[in-house]
Amino acid sequence: MNESSLMLGAMLALASHSGADVHDFPSADSDVVASVGFRDGENIGAFWSATRGDLVSEFLVDPASEITGLVWNLDITRQGLREPLDWGLYVNGVEVARVSYEAESGPQTIEIRFNAIPSDGGGYLVSFECLSTVASAFGSMDLRYAGAGPHQIELIGEACRADVDRDGDLTLFDFLAFQNAFDAGDLLADFDGDGVLTLFDFLVFRNEFDAGCD
């Protein structure tokens, strides 16, 4: 019997989920630095230059006092790069993710956990910033800010970390999601924050589950 099987005894009581919210990002309220900026009713671009300071950023008002993760569903609506463009994702000035795009287009997802970042002024400044500059004539890319495609970011509050499947309730499915992450070696299951997955992560998860989500 492995460690992950130890925590699948019985379903516990449900708990309400408040935590953080889902926000449009980018949106019509975002600050955009790029060659074109707001290209039309759905797209922003053209991004290609850290030297110019290309970015999209927005202050998101949110009820969570601190967050420990996010899921960002973005959409690369135009891909004209012929060499990689590096990006950094920042929350309140803290870099939480780094990605590189060249051939990718269409819907993309960035899902990341990090050490708790406290709210600043009732929310979080989220910024997606170019970290490299593409050589002249080597293209650029656009992102969606409106329309039917994905452009939402979910901020994950510390208080509801035990809601692993993020369905708004604490149920047996959160145990299953935690077990799957643990078995896959995913540090999403590193609840004690020591960088390795052990029985202690189960104990911390169980304690947070029992405490519920305020």
N, C-alpha and C. Protein backbone atom coordinates (compact mmCIF):
# COMPACT_ATOMS: atom_id res chain seq x y z
N MET A 1 0.85 -1.19 0.00
CA MET A 1 0.00 0.00 0.00
C MET A 1 0.88 1.24 0.00
N ASN A 2 0.67 2.16 -0.96
CA ASN A 2 1.48 3.37 -0.97
C ASN A 2 0.85 4.44 -0.09
N GLU A 3 1.62 5.52 0.12
CA GLU A 3 1.17 6.56 1.03
C GLU A 3 -0.14 7.18 0.57
N SER A 4 -0.34 7.27 -0.75
CA SER A 4 -1.53 7.96 -1.24
C SER A 4 -2.81 7.24 -0.88
N SER A 5 -2.74 5.92 -0.63
CA SER A 5 -3.95 5.17 -0.31
C SER A 5 -4.39 5.37 1.13
N LEU A 6 -3.54 5.97 1.97
CA LEU A 6 -3.85 6.10 3.38
C LEU A 6 -4.95 7.10 3.67
N MET A 7 -5.17 8.05 2.73
CA MET A 7 -6.09 9.14 3.00
C MET A 7 -7.44 8.99 2.34
N LEU A 8 -7.75 7.82 1.80
CA LEU A 8 -9.01 7.65 1.07
C LEU A 8 -10.01 6.84 1.89
N GLY A 9 -10.26 7.26 3.11
CA GLY A 9 -11.15 6.52 3.97
C GLY A 9 -12.61 6.79 3.70
N ALA A 10 -13.05 8.01 3.93
CA ALA A 10 -14.47 8.33 3.79
C ALA A 10 -14.64 9.78 3.37
N MET A 11 -15.78 10.07 2.77
CA MET A 11 -16.06 11.45 2.38
C MET A 11 -16.40 12.27 3.62
N LEU A 12 -15.82 13.47 3.70
CA LEU A 12 -16.07 14.34 4.84
C LEU A 12 -17.12 15.39 4.48
N ALA A 13 -17.49 16.19 5.48
CA ALA A 13 -18.52 17.20 5.29
C ALA A 13 -18.10 18.23 4.26
N LEU A 14 -19.08 18.80 3.57
CA LEU A 14 -18.81 19.85 2.60
C LEU A 14 -18.46 21.14 3.32
N ALA A 15 -17.72 22.01 2.60
CA ALA A 15 -17.41 23.34 3.13
C ALA A 15 -17.57 24.35 2.02
N SER A 16 -17.97 25.56 2.40
CA SER A 16 -18.16 26.58 1.37
C SER A 16 -16.82 27.11 0.90
N HIS A 17 -16.81 27.63 -0.32
CA HIS A 17 -15.60 28.18 -0.94
C HIS A 17 -15.82 29.66 -1.18
N SER A 18 -14.95 30.47 -0.60
CA SER A 18 -14.96 31.88 -0.99
C SER A 18 -13.71 32.16 -1.77
N GLY A 19 -12.56 32.27 -1.08
CA GLY A 19 -11.28 32.37 -1.76
C GLY A 19 -11.22 33.53 -2.73
N ALA A 20 -10.45 33.33 -3.80
CA ALA A 20 -10.24 34.37 -4.79
C ALA A 20 -11.19 34.19 -5.97
N ASP A 21 -11.13 35.13 -6.91
CA ASP A 21 -12.09 35.17 -8.00
C ASP A 21 -11.44 34.86 -9.35
N VAL A 22 -12.31 34.73 -10.37
CA VAL A 22 -11.89 34.64 -11.76
C VAL A 22 -12.08 36.01 -12.39
N HIS A 23 -11.07 36.47 -13.13
CA HIS A 23 -11.08 37.81 -13.71
C HIS A 23 -10.80 37.73 -15.21
N ASP A 24 -11.35 38.66 -15.96
CA ASP A 24 -10.92 38.83 -17.34
C ASP A 24 -9.52 39.42 -17.35
N PHE A 25 -8.61 38.75 -18.06
CA PHE A 25 -7.25 39.26 -18.21
C PHE A 25 -6.60 38.57 -19.41
N PRO A 26 -6.12 39.37 -20.38
CA PRO A 26 -6.25 40.82 -20.51
C PRO A 26 -7.71 41.24 -20.68
N SER A 27 -7.95 42.55 -20.52
CA SER A 27 -9.29 43.09 -20.71
C SER A 27 -9.18 44.48 -21.30
N ALA A 28 -10.31 45.09 -21.54
CA ALA A 28 -10.33 46.45 -22.07
C ALA A 28 -9.75 47.45 -21.08
N ASP A 29 -9.64 47.04 -19.81
CA ASP A 29 -9.09 47.91 -18.77
C ASP A 29 -7.59 47.71 -18.57
N SER A 30 -6.98 46.80 -19.31
CA SER A 30 -5.55 46.52 -19.14
C SER A 30 -4.70 47.66 -19.69
N ASP A 31 -3.53 47.82 -19.10
CA ASP A 31 -2.50 48.68 -19.67
C ASP A 31 -1.69 47.85 -20.65
N VAL A 32 -1.50 48.36 -21.85
CA VAL A 32 -0.81 47.60 -22.90
C VAL A 32 0.32 48.45 -23.48
N VAL A 33 1.51 47.86 -23.52
CA VAL A 33 2.65 48.45 -24.23
C VAL A 33 3.04 47.48 -25.33
N ALA A 34 2.96 47.91 -26.58
CA ALA A 34 3.29 47.06 -27.73
C ALA A 34 3.33 47.96 -28.96
N SER A 35 3.72 47.38 -30.08
CA SER A 35 3.80 48.17 -31.31
C SER A 35 2.46 48.79 -31.69
N VAL A 36 1.37 48.02 -31.54
CA VAL A 36 0.05 48.49 -31.94
C VAL A 36 -0.81 48.82 -30.74
N GLY A 37 -0.72 48.02 -29.68
CA GLY A 37 -1.61 48.19 -28.54
C GLY A 37 -2.94 47.50 -28.80
N PHE A 38 -4.06 48.24 -28.62
CA PHE A 38 -5.38 47.66 -28.88
C PHE A 38 -5.61 47.66 -30.38
N ARG A 39 -5.43 46.47 -30.97
CA ARG A 39 -5.47 46.36 -32.44
C ARG A 39 -6.89 46.51 -32.98
N ASP A 40 -7.85 45.88 -32.30
CA ASP A 40 -9.26 45.92 -32.73
C ASP A 40 -10.12 45.56 -31.52
N GLY A 41 -11.33 45.09 -31.76
CA GLY A 41 -12.24 44.80 -30.66
C GLY A 41 -11.94 43.56 -29.87
N GLU A 42 -10.95 42.76 -30.28
CA GLU A 42 -10.66 41.52 -29.58
C GLU A 42 -9.17 41.28 -29.33
N ASN A 43 -8.28 41.99 -30.02
CA ASN A 43 -6.86 41.63 -30.00
C ASN A 43 -5.98 42.80 -29.58
N ILE A 44 -4.91 42.46 -28.85
CA ILE A 44 -3.86 43.41 -28.52
C ILE A 44 -2.53 42.90 -29.06
N GLY A 45 -1.66 43.81 -29.47
CA GLY A 45 -0.36 43.44 -30.03
C GLY A 45 0.27 44.70 -30.64
N ALA A 46 1.35 44.61 -31.32
CA ALA A 46 2.13 43.41 -31.56
C ALA A 46 3.28 43.39 -30.56
N PHE A 47 3.42 42.27 -29.83
CA PHE A 47 4.43 42.15 -28.79
C PHE A 47 5.71 41.53 -29.37
N TRP A 48 6.85 42.15 -29.06
CA TRP A 48 8.11 41.57 -29.51
C TRP A 48 9.34 42.15 -28.82
N SER A 49 9.17 43.16 -27.91
CA SER A 49 10.34 43.91 -27.45
C SER A 49 10.37 44.15 -25.94
N ALA A 50 11.35 43.52 -25.26
CA ALA A 50 11.62 43.87 -23.87
C ALA A 50 12.28 45.24 -23.79
N THR A 51 13.04 45.58 -24.82
CA THR A 51 13.72 46.88 -24.85
C THR A 51 12.72 48.03 -24.76
N ARG A 52 11.59 47.90 -25.46
CA ARG A 52 10.54 48.91 -25.42
C ARG A 52 9.71 48.80 -24.14
N GLY A 53 9.77 47.62 -23.50
CA GLY A 53 8.96 47.40 -22.30
C GLY A 53 7.60 46.84 -22.60
N ASP A 54 7.50 45.99 -23.64
CA ASP A 54 6.20 45.41 -24.01
C ASP A 54 5.61 44.61 -22.85
N LEU A 55 4.32 44.84 -22.59
CA LEU A 55 3.65 44.16 -21.50
C LEU A 55 2.14 44.37 -21.60
N VAL A 56 1.43 43.55 -20.84
CA VAL A 56 0.03 43.81 -20.55
C VAL A 56 -0.12 43.63 -19.05
N SER A 57 -0.75 44.60 -18.39
CA SER A 57 -0.88 44.55 -16.94
C SER A 57 -2.23 45.12 -16.52
N GLU A 58 -2.66 44.70 -15.33
CA GLU A 58 -3.94 45.20 -14.82
C GLU A 58 -4.02 44.93 -13.32
N PHE A 59 -4.58 45.88 -12.58
CA PHE A 59 -4.85 45.67 -11.15
C PHE A 59 -6.21 45.00 -11.02
N LEU A 60 -6.23 43.82 -10.39
CA LEU A 60 -7.45 43.03 -10.25
C LEU A 60 -7.94 43.12 -8.81
N VAL A 61 -9.07 43.76 -8.60
CA VAL A 61 -9.66 43.84 -7.27
C VAL A 61 -10.17 42.45 -6.89
N ASP A 62 -9.77 41.96 -5.70
CA ASP A 62 -10.07 40.57 -5.35
C ASP A 62 -10.23 40.45 -3.84
N PRO A 63 -11.16 39.61 -3.37
CA PRO A 63 -11.41 39.51 -1.92
C PRO A 63 -10.36 38.74 -1.14
N ALA A 64 -9.52 37.95 -1.80
CA ALA A 64 -8.56 37.11 -1.08
C ALA A 64 -7.48 37.96 -0.43
N SER A 65 -7.19 37.67 0.83
CA SER A 65 -6.14 38.41 1.54
C SER A 65 -4.75 38.01 1.07
N GLU A 66 -4.64 36.82 0.53
CA GLU A 66 -3.40 36.37 -0.09
C GLU A 66 -3.72 35.25 -1.07
N ILE A 67 -2.84 35.04 -2.05
CA ILE A 67 -3.04 33.96 -3.02
C ILE A 67 -1.78 33.10 -3.08
N THR A 68 -1.99 31.84 -3.43
CA THR A 68 -0.88 30.89 -3.51
C THR A 68 -0.82 30.19 -4.87
N GLY A 69 -1.57 30.68 -5.82
CA GLY A 69 -1.55 30.07 -7.15
C GLY A 69 -2.47 30.79 -8.10
N LEU A 70 -2.37 30.39 -9.36
CA LEU A 70 -3.26 30.95 -10.38
C LEU A 70 -3.35 29.99 -11.55
N VAL A 71 -4.43 30.13 -12.29
CA VAL A 71 -4.61 29.45 -13.57
C VAL A 71 -5.01 30.51 -14.58
N TRP A 72 -4.16 30.69 -15.59
CA TRP A 72 -4.43 31.72 -16.60
C TRP A 72 -4.68 31.04 -17.94
N ASN A 73 -5.87 31.23 -18.48
CA ASN A 73 -6.21 30.75 -19.81
C ASN A 73 -6.13 31.94 -20.77
N LEU A 74 -5.11 31.93 -21.61
CA LEU A 74 -4.89 33.01 -22.56
C LEU A 74 -5.02 32.49 -23.98
N ASP A 75 -5.02 33.41 -24.93
CA ASP A 75 -5.23 33.03 -26.33
C ASP A 75 -4.27 33.84 -27.19
N ILE A 76 -3.34 33.14 -27.86
CA ILE A 76 -2.44 33.79 -28.82
C ILE A 76 -3.19 33.85 -30.15
N THR A 77 -3.72 35.01 -30.47
CA THR A 77 -4.60 35.13 -31.64
C THR A 77 -3.85 35.37 -32.94
N ARG A 78 -2.61 35.81 -32.85
CA ARG A 78 -1.78 35.95 -34.04
C ARG A 78 -0.35 35.59 -33.68
N GLN A 79 0.23 34.66 -34.43
CA GLN A 79 1.59 34.22 -34.15
C GLN A 79 2.46 34.46 -35.38
N GLY A 80 3.30 35.48 -35.31
CA GLY A 80 4.18 35.78 -36.43
C GLY A 80 5.65 35.72 -36.08
N LEU A 81 5.97 35.10 -34.92
CA LEU A 81 7.36 35.03 -34.48
C LEU A 81 8.16 34.03 -35.29
N ARG A 82 9.41 34.37 -35.53
CA ARG A 82 10.35 33.45 -36.17
C ARG A 82 11.56 33.18 -35.28
N GLU A 83 11.47 33.61 -34.04
CA GLU A 83 12.42 33.22 -33.01
C GLU A 83 11.69 33.36 -31.67
N PRO A 84 12.15 32.66 -30.62
CA PRO A 84 11.40 32.65 -29.35
C PRO A 84 11.31 34.03 -28.71
N LEU A 85 10.16 34.28 -28.09
CA LEU A 85 9.95 35.48 -27.29
C LEU A 85 9.68 35.04 -25.86
N ASP A 86 10.54 35.48 -24.93
CA ASP A 86 10.43 35.09 -23.52
C ASP A 86 9.54 36.08 -22.77
N TRP A 87 8.75 35.53 -21.86
CA TRP A 87 7.81 36.32 -21.07
C TRP A 87 7.96 35.97 -19.59
N GLY A 88 7.69 36.95 -18.73
CA GLY A 88 7.57 36.71 -17.30
C GLY A 88 6.19 37.12 -16.83
N LEU A 89 5.61 36.31 -15.94
CA LEU A 89 4.31 36.61 -15.34
C LEU A 89 4.55 37.03 -13.89
N TYR A 90 4.05 38.21 -13.53
CA TYR A 90 4.31 38.79 -12.22
C TYR A 90 3.00 39.07 -11.49
N VAL A 91 3.02 38.88 -10.18
CA VAL A 91 1.90 39.25 -9.32
C VAL A 91 2.45 40.14 -8.21
N ASN A 92 1.97 41.36 -8.15
CA ASN A 92 2.47 42.34 -7.17
C ASN A 92 3.99 42.43 -7.18
N GLY A 93 4.55 42.39 -8.39
CA GLY A 93 5.98 42.54 -8.56
C GLY A 93 6.79 41.29 -8.36
N VAL A 94 6.17 40.17 -8.02
CA VAL A 94 6.86 38.90 -7.80
C VAL A 94 6.73 38.04 -9.05
N GLU A 95 7.85 37.58 -9.61
CA GLU A 95 7.78 36.70 -10.77
C GLU A 95 7.29 35.32 -10.33
N VAL A 96 6.20 34.85 -10.93
CA VAL A 96 5.62 33.56 -10.57
C VAL A 96 5.75 32.54 -11.69
N ALA A 97 6.03 32.97 -12.91
CA ALA A 97 6.18 32.03 -14.02
C ALA A 97 6.99 32.68 -15.12
N ARG A 98 7.65 31.83 -15.92
CA ARG A 98 8.41 32.29 -17.07
C ARG A 98 8.12 31.32 -18.21
N VAL A 99 7.75 31.86 -19.38
CA VAL A 99 7.41 31.02 -20.53
C VAL A 99 8.06 31.60 -21.77
N SER A 100 8.10 30.79 -22.83
CA SER A 100 8.65 31.23 -24.11
C SER A 100 7.73 30.75 -25.21
N TYR A 101 7.40 31.64 -26.15
CA TYR A 101 6.54 31.30 -27.27
C TYR A 101 7.25 31.60 -28.59
N GLU A 102 7.02 30.72 -29.57
CA GLU A 102 7.51 30.95 -30.93
C GLU A 102 6.51 30.42 -31.94
N ALA A 103 6.27 29.12 -31.92
CA ALA A 103 5.34 28.52 -32.89
C ALA A 103 3.93 28.39 -32.32
N GLU A 104 3.78 28.54 -31.00
CA GLU A 104 2.48 28.32 -30.37
C GLU A 104 1.47 29.37 -30.79
N SER A 105 0.24 28.92 -30.99
CA SER A 105 -0.87 29.83 -31.24
C SER A 105 -2.15 29.21 -30.69
N GLY A 106 -3.18 30.04 -30.57
CA GLY A 106 -4.44 29.56 -30.02
C GLY A 106 -4.41 29.51 -28.50
N PRO A 107 -5.37 28.81 -27.88
CA PRO A 107 -5.48 28.78 -26.42
C PRO A 107 -4.25 28.16 -25.76
N GLN A 108 -3.81 28.78 -24.69
CA GLN A 108 -2.69 28.31 -23.86
C GLN A 108 -3.13 28.39 -22.40
N THR A 109 -2.49 27.60 -21.53
CA THR A 109 -2.79 27.65 -20.11
C THR A 109 -1.50 27.72 -19.32
N ILE A 110 -1.46 28.64 -18.36
CA ILE A 110 -0.38 28.71 -17.39
C ILE A 110 -1.00 28.41 -16.03
N GLU A 111 -0.57 27.32 -15.39
CA GLU A 111 -1.07 26.95 -14.06
C GLU A 111 0.13 26.82 -13.15
N ILE A 112 0.13 27.56 -12.05
CA ILE A 112 1.31 27.62 -11.20
C ILE A 112 0.90 27.80 -9.75
N ARG A 113 1.67 27.19 -8.84
CA ARG A 113 1.56 27.43 -7.40
C ARG A 113 2.81 28.15 -6.94
N PHE A 114 2.68 28.96 -5.88
CA PHE A 114 3.83 29.72 -5.40
C PHE A 114 3.61 30.07 -3.93
N ASN A 115 4.68 30.59 -3.30
CA ASN A 115 4.56 31.04 -1.92
C ASN A 115 3.54 32.17 -1.84
N ALA A 116 2.88 32.27 -0.71
CA ALA A 116 1.77 33.21 -0.56
C ALA A 116 2.19 34.64 -0.90
N ILE A 117 1.36 35.29 -1.71
CA ILE A 117 1.54 36.70 -2.06
C ILE A 117 0.37 37.47 -1.47
N PRO A 118 0.64 38.43 -0.57
CA PRO A 118 -0.48 39.15 0.07
C PRO A 118 -1.11 40.17 -0.86
N SER A 119 -2.39 40.43 -0.60
CA SER A 119 -3.09 41.49 -1.32
C SER A 119 -2.43 42.83 -1.05
N ASP A 120 -2.47 43.70 -2.05
CA ASP A 120 -1.91 45.04 -1.92
C ASP A 120 -2.96 46.05 -2.38
N GLY A 121 -3.55 46.76 -1.44
CA GLY A 121 -4.58 47.73 -1.80
C GLY A 121 -5.88 47.12 -2.24
N GLY A 122 -6.18 45.92 -1.75
CA GLY A 122 -7.44 45.28 -2.08
C GLY A 122 -7.43 44.43 -3.33
N GLY A 123 -6.25 44.09 -3.81
CA GLY A 123 -6.19 43.25 -5.00
C GLY A 123 -4.77 42.92 -5.39
N TYR A 124 -4.59 42.59 -6.68
CA TYR A 124 -3.32 42.08 -7.18
C TYR A 124 -3.01 42.70 -8.53
N LEU A 125 -1.80 43.22 -8.66
CA LEU A 125 -1.33 43.74 -9.95
C LEU A 125 -0.72 42.57 -10.72
N VAL A 126 -1.38 42.15 -11.79
CA VAL A 126 -0.89 41.07 -12.63
C VAL A 126 -0.28 41.66 -13.88
N SER A 127 0.93 41.23 -14.20
CA SER A 127 1.64 41.79 -15.35
C SER A 127 2.33 40.68 -16.12
N PHE A 128 2.14 40.69 -17.44
CA PHE A 128 2.78 39.74 -18.35
C PHE A 128 3.74 40.55 -19.20
N GLU A 129 5.04 40.33 -19.01
CA GLU A 129 6.05 41.24 -19.54
C GLU A 129 7.05 40.51 -20.44
N CYS A 130 7.39 41.11 -21.57
CA CYS A 130 8.43 40.56 -22.44
C CYS A 130 9.79 40.64 -21.73
N LEU A 131 10.53 39.54 -21.76
CA LEU A 131 11.85 39.49 -21.15
C LEU A 131 12.96 39.42 -22.19
N SER A 132 12.60 39.32 -23.45
CA SER A 132 13.59 39.30 -24.53
C SER A 132 13.08 40.18 -25.66
N THR A 133 13.98 40.47 -26.59
CA THR A 133 13.63 41.28 -27.75
C THR A 133 13.93 40.49 -29.01
N VAL A 134 12.92 40.33 -29.85
CA VAL A 134 13.07 39.60 -31.09
C VAL A 134 13.83 40.47 -32.10
N ALA A 135 14.73 39.86 -32.84
CA ALA A 135 15.51 40.61 -33.83
C ALA A 135 14.59 41.28 -34.85
N SER A 136 15.06 42.37 -35.40
CA SER A 136 14.29 43.12 -36.38
C SER A 136 13.82 42.22 -37.51
N ALA A 137 12.54 42.37 -37.88
CA ALA A 137 11.92 41.61 -38.97
C ALA A 137 11.68 40.14 -38.61
N PHE A 138 11.79 39.78 -37.30
CA PHE A 138 11.55 38.40 -36.91
C PHE A 138 10.19 38.23 -36.24
N GLY A 139 9.31 39.18 -36.49
CA GLY A 139 7.91 38.96 -36.17
C GLY A 139 7.48 39.42 -34.79
N SER A 140 6.20 39.16 -34.49
CA SER A 140 5.57 39.55 -33.23
C SER A 140 4.36 38.65 -33.00
N MET A 141 3.67 38.85 -31.89
CA MET A 141 2.49 38.05 -31.57
C MET A 141 1.42 38.92 -30.93
N ASP A 142 0.17 38.46 -31.02
CA ASP A 142 -0.97 39.15 -30.42
C ASP A 142 -1.63 38.26 -29.38
N LEU A 143 -2.34 38.91 -28.45
CA LEU A 143 -3.13 38.22 -27.44
C LEU A 143 -4.58 38.68 -27.50
N ARG A 144 -5.48 37.83 -27.03
CA ARG A 144 -6.90 38.18 -26.97
C ARG A 144 -7.17 38.97 -25.69
N TYR A 145 -8.04 39.99 -25.80
CA TYR A 145 -8.50 40.70 -24.61
C TYR A 145 -10.03 40.75 -24.52
N ALA A 146 -10.73 40.29 -25.56
CA ALA A 146 -12.20 40.30 -25.57
C ALA A 146 -12.68 39.25 -26.55
N GLY A 147 -13.99 39.04 -26.59
CA GLY A 147 -14.54 38.07 -27.54
C GLY A 147 -14.74 36.71 -26.91
N ALA A 148 -14.95 35.72 -27.78
CA ALA A 148 -15.37 34.39 -27.32
C ALA A 148 -14.21 33.52 -26.85
N GLY A 149 -12.99 33.85 -27.21
CA GLY A 149 -11.86 33.01 -26.83
C GLY A 149 -11.43 33.25 -25.39
N PRO A 150 -10.54 32.38 -24.87
CA PRO A 150 -10.13 32.48 -23.47
C PRO A 150 -9.28 33.71 -23.19
N HIS A 151 -9.61 34.40 -22.11
CA HIS A 151 -8.80 35.52 -21.60
C HIS A 151 -9.19 35.75 -20.15
N GLN A 152 -9.10 34.68 -19.34
CA GLN A 152 -9.47 34.74 -17.94
C GLN A 152 -8.33 34.20 -17.07
N ILE A 153 -8.21 34.79 -15.89
CA ILE A 153 -7.22 34.33 -14.92
C ILE A 153 -7.93 34.06 -13.60
N GLU A 154 -7.69 32.88 -13.03
CA GLU A 154 -8.25 32.52 -11.73
C GLU A 154 -7.15 32.65 -10.69
N LEU A 155 -7.37 33.48 -9.70
CA LEU A 155 -6.45 33.63 -8.58
C LEU A 155 -6.89 32.66 -7.49
N ILE A 156 -5.96 31.91 -6.94
CA ILE A 156 -6.28 30.86 -5.98
C ILE A 156 -5.86 31.31 -4.59
N GLY A 157 -6.83 31.41 -3.70
CA GLY A 157 -6.58 31.88 -2.35
C GLY A 157 -6.07 30.79 -1.44
N GLU A 158 -5.20 31.17 -0.53
CA GLU A 158 -4.64 30.23 0.45
C GLU A 158 -5.73 29.56 1.26
N ALA A 159 -6.79 30.31 1.59
CA ALA A 159 -7.81 29.77 2.47
C ALA A 159 -8.50 28.55 1.88
N CYS A 160 -8.50 28.42 0.57
CA CYS A 160 -9.20 27.31 -0.07
C CYS A 160 -8.23 26.39 -0.82
N ARG A 161 -7.02 26.28 -0.32
CA ARG A 161 -6.04 25.43 -0.97
C ARG A 161 -6.49 23.97 -0.99
N ALA A 162 -7.28 23.55 0.00
CA ALA A 162 -7.74 22.17 0.06
C ALA A 162 -8.76 21.84 -1.01
N ASP A 163 -9.33 22.86 -1.65
CA ASP A 163 -10.26 22.64 -2.77
C ASP A 163 -9.43 22.38 -4.03
N VAL A 164 -8.79 21.22 -4.06
CA VAL A 164 -7.80 20.92 -5.09
C VAL A 164 -8.42 20.90 -6.48
N ASP A 165 -9.65 20.40 -6.59
CA ASP A 165 -10.28 20.34 -7.91
C ASP A 165 -11.00 21.65 -8.27
N ARG A 166 -10.99 22.63 -7.36
CA ARG A 166 -11.49 23.98 -7.59
C ARG A 166 -12.93 24.00 -8.10
N ASP A 167 -13.78 23.13 -7.50
CA ASP A 167 -15.18 23.14 -7.90
C ASP A 167 -16.06 23.94 -6.94
N GLY A 168 -15.45 24.53 -5.91
CA GLY A 168 -16.20 25.35 -4.97
C GLY A 168 -16.65 24.63 -3.72
N ASP A 169 -16.46 23.30 -3.63
CA ASP A 169 -16.84 22.52 -2.45
C ASP A 169 -15.68 21.61 -2.06
N LEU A 170 -15.67 21.23 -0.78
CA LEU A 170 -14.70 20.24 -0.32
C LEU A 170 -15.39 18.88 -0.26
N THR A 171 -14.95 17.98 -1.11
CA THR A 171 -15.58 16.67 -1.24
C THR A 171 -14.50 15.60 -1.42
N LEU A 172 -14.97 14.37 -1.55
CA LEU A 172 -14.05 13.26 -1.81
C LEU A 172 -13.24 13.48 -3.08
N PHE A 173 -13.78 14.24 -4.03
CA PHE A 173 -13.06 14.47 -5.28
C PHE A 173 -11.78 15.29 -5.05
N ASP A 174 -11.76 16.10 -3.99
CA ASP A 174 -10.52 16.80 -3.66
C ASP A 174 -9.46 15.83 -3.16
N PHE A 175 -9.88 14.80 -2.41
CA PHE A 175 -8.95 13.75 -2.01
C PHE A 175 -8.39 13.04 -3.24
N LEU A 176 -9.27 12.74 -4.18
CA LEU A 176 -8.83 12.04 -5.39
C LEU A 176 -7.88 12.91 -6.21
N ALA A 177 -8.19 14.20 -6.33
CA ALA A 177 -7.32 15.10 -7.08
C ALA A 177 -5.96 15.23 -6.39
N PHE A 178 -5.98 15.30 -5.05
CA PHE A 178 -4.72 15.37 -4.30
C PHE A 178 -3.91 14.08 -4.51
N GLN A 179 -4.58 12.94 -4.42
CA GLN A 179 -3.89 11.65 -4.61
C GLN A 179 -3.27 11.56 -5.99
N ASN A 180 -4.02 11.98 -7.02
CA ASN A 180 -3.49 11.92 -8.38
C ASN A 180 -2.26 12.80 -8.53
N ALA A 181 -2.31 14.00 -7.95
CA ALA A 181 -1.15 14.89 -8.01
C ALA A 181 0.04 14.28 -7.28
N PHE A 182 -0.23 13.70 -6.13
CA PHE A 182 0.85 13.07 -5.35
C PHE A 182 1.48 11.92 -6.12
N ASP A 183 0.64 11.04 -6.68
CA ASP A 183 1.15 9.87 -7.42
C ASP A 183 1.93 10.29 -8.67
N ALA A 184 1.56 11.44 -9.27
CA ALA A 184 2.25 11.92 -10.47
C ALA A 184 3.53 12.69 -10.14
N GLY A 185 3.79 12.90 -8.84
CA GLY A 185 4.97 13.67 -8.46
C GLY A 185 4.79 15.17 -8.67
N ASP A 186 3.54 15.61 -8.76
CA ASP A 186 3.24 17.03 -9.00
C ASP A 186 3.35 17.79 -7.67
N LEU A 187 4.16 18.85 -7.64
CA LEU A 187 4.34 19.61 -6.41
C LEU A 187 3.09 20.40 -6.01
N LEU A 188 2.02 20.32 -6.79
CA LEU A 188 0.74 20.80 -6.33
C LEU A 188 0.36 20.13 -5.01
N ALA A 189 0.85 18.89 -4.82
CA ALA A 189 0.55 18.13 -3.60
C ALA A 189 1.54 18.39 -2.48
N ASP A 190 2.49 19.28 -2.68
CA ASP A 190 3.49 19.60 -1.65
C ASP A 190 2.89 20.58 -0.65
N PHE A 191 1.99 20.10 0.20
CA PHE A 191 1.25 20.98 1.09
C PHE A 191 2.09 21.46 2.26
N ASP A 192 3.16 20.76 2.63
CA ASP A 192 3.99 21.25 3.73
C ASP A 192 5.14 22.12 3.23
N GLY A 193 5.26 22.28 1.89
CA GLY A 193 6.19 23.23 1.31
C GLY A 193 7.66 22.90 1.45
N ASP A 194 7.99 21.61 1.65
CA ASP A 194 9.40 21.26 1.81
C ASP A 194 10.06 20.81 0.51
N GLY A 195 9.32 20.83 -0.59
CA GLY A 195 9.90 20.49 -1.88
C GLY A 195 9.90 19.02 -2.23
N VAL A 196 9.43 18.16 -1.33
CA VAL A 196 9.33 16.72 -1.59
C VAL A 196 7.95 16.25 -1.16
N LEU A 197 7.51 15.13 -1.73
CA LEU A 197 6.18 14.61 -1.43
C LEU A 197 6.30 13.45 -0.45
N THR A 198 5.72 13.62 0.73
CA THR A 198 5.79 12.62 1.79
C THR A 198 4.43 12.51 2.48
N LEU A 199 4.37 11.61 3.46
CA LEU A 199 3.15 11.45 4.25
C LEU A 199 2.75 12.75 4.94
N PHE A 200 3.72 13.61 5.25
CA PHE A 200 3.41 14.86 5.92
C PHE A 200 2.54 15.77 5.04
N ASP A 201 2.68 15.67 3.72
CA ASP A 201 1.82 16.45 2.84
C ASP A 201 0.36 16.01 2.99
N PHE A 202 0.14 14.70 3.16
CA PHE A 202 -1.21 14.21 3.40
C PHE A 202 -1.76 14.75 4.70
N LEU A 203 -0.93 14.78 5.73
CA LEU A 203 -1.39 15.26 7.04
C LEU A 203 -1.78 16.74 6.98
N VAL A 204 -0.96 17.55 6.30
CA VAL A 204 -1.27 18.97 6.18
C VAL A 204 -2.54 19.16 5.35
N PHE A 205 -2.64 18.42 4.23
CA PHE A 205 -3.84 18.51 3.40
C PHE A 205 -5.08 18.13 4.21
N ARG A 206 -5.00 17.04 4.96
CA ARG A 206 -6.16 16.58 5.76
C ARG A 206 -6.55 17.64 6.79
N ASN A 207 -5.57 18.25 7.44
CA ASN A 207 -5.87 19.28 8.43
C ASN A 207 -6.57 20.47 7.79
N GLU A 208 -6.09 20.91 6.61
CA GLU A 208 -6.70 22.04 5.93
C GLU A 208 -8.10 21.68 5.44
N PHE A 209 -8.26 20.44 4.98
CA PHE A 209 -9.58 20.00 4.55
C PHE A 209 -10.56 20.02 5.72
N ASP A 210 -10.13 19.50 6.86
CA ASP A 210 -10.99 19.46 8.05
C ASP A 210 -11.35 20.86 8.52
N ALA A 211 -10.41 21.82 8.36
CA ALA A 211 -10.66 23.19 8.79
C ALA A 211 -11.66 23.90 7.90
N GLY A 212 -11.82 23.43 6.67
CA GLY A 212 -12.75 24.02 5.73
C GLY A 212 -12.25 25.30 5.13
N CYS A 213 -13.08 25.90 4.29
CA CYS A 213 -12.73 27.15 3.61
C CYS A 213 -13.69 28.24 4.07
N ASP A 214 -13.14 29.29 4.61
CA ASP A 214 -13.96 30.40 5.10
C ASP A 214 -14.52 31.22 3.95
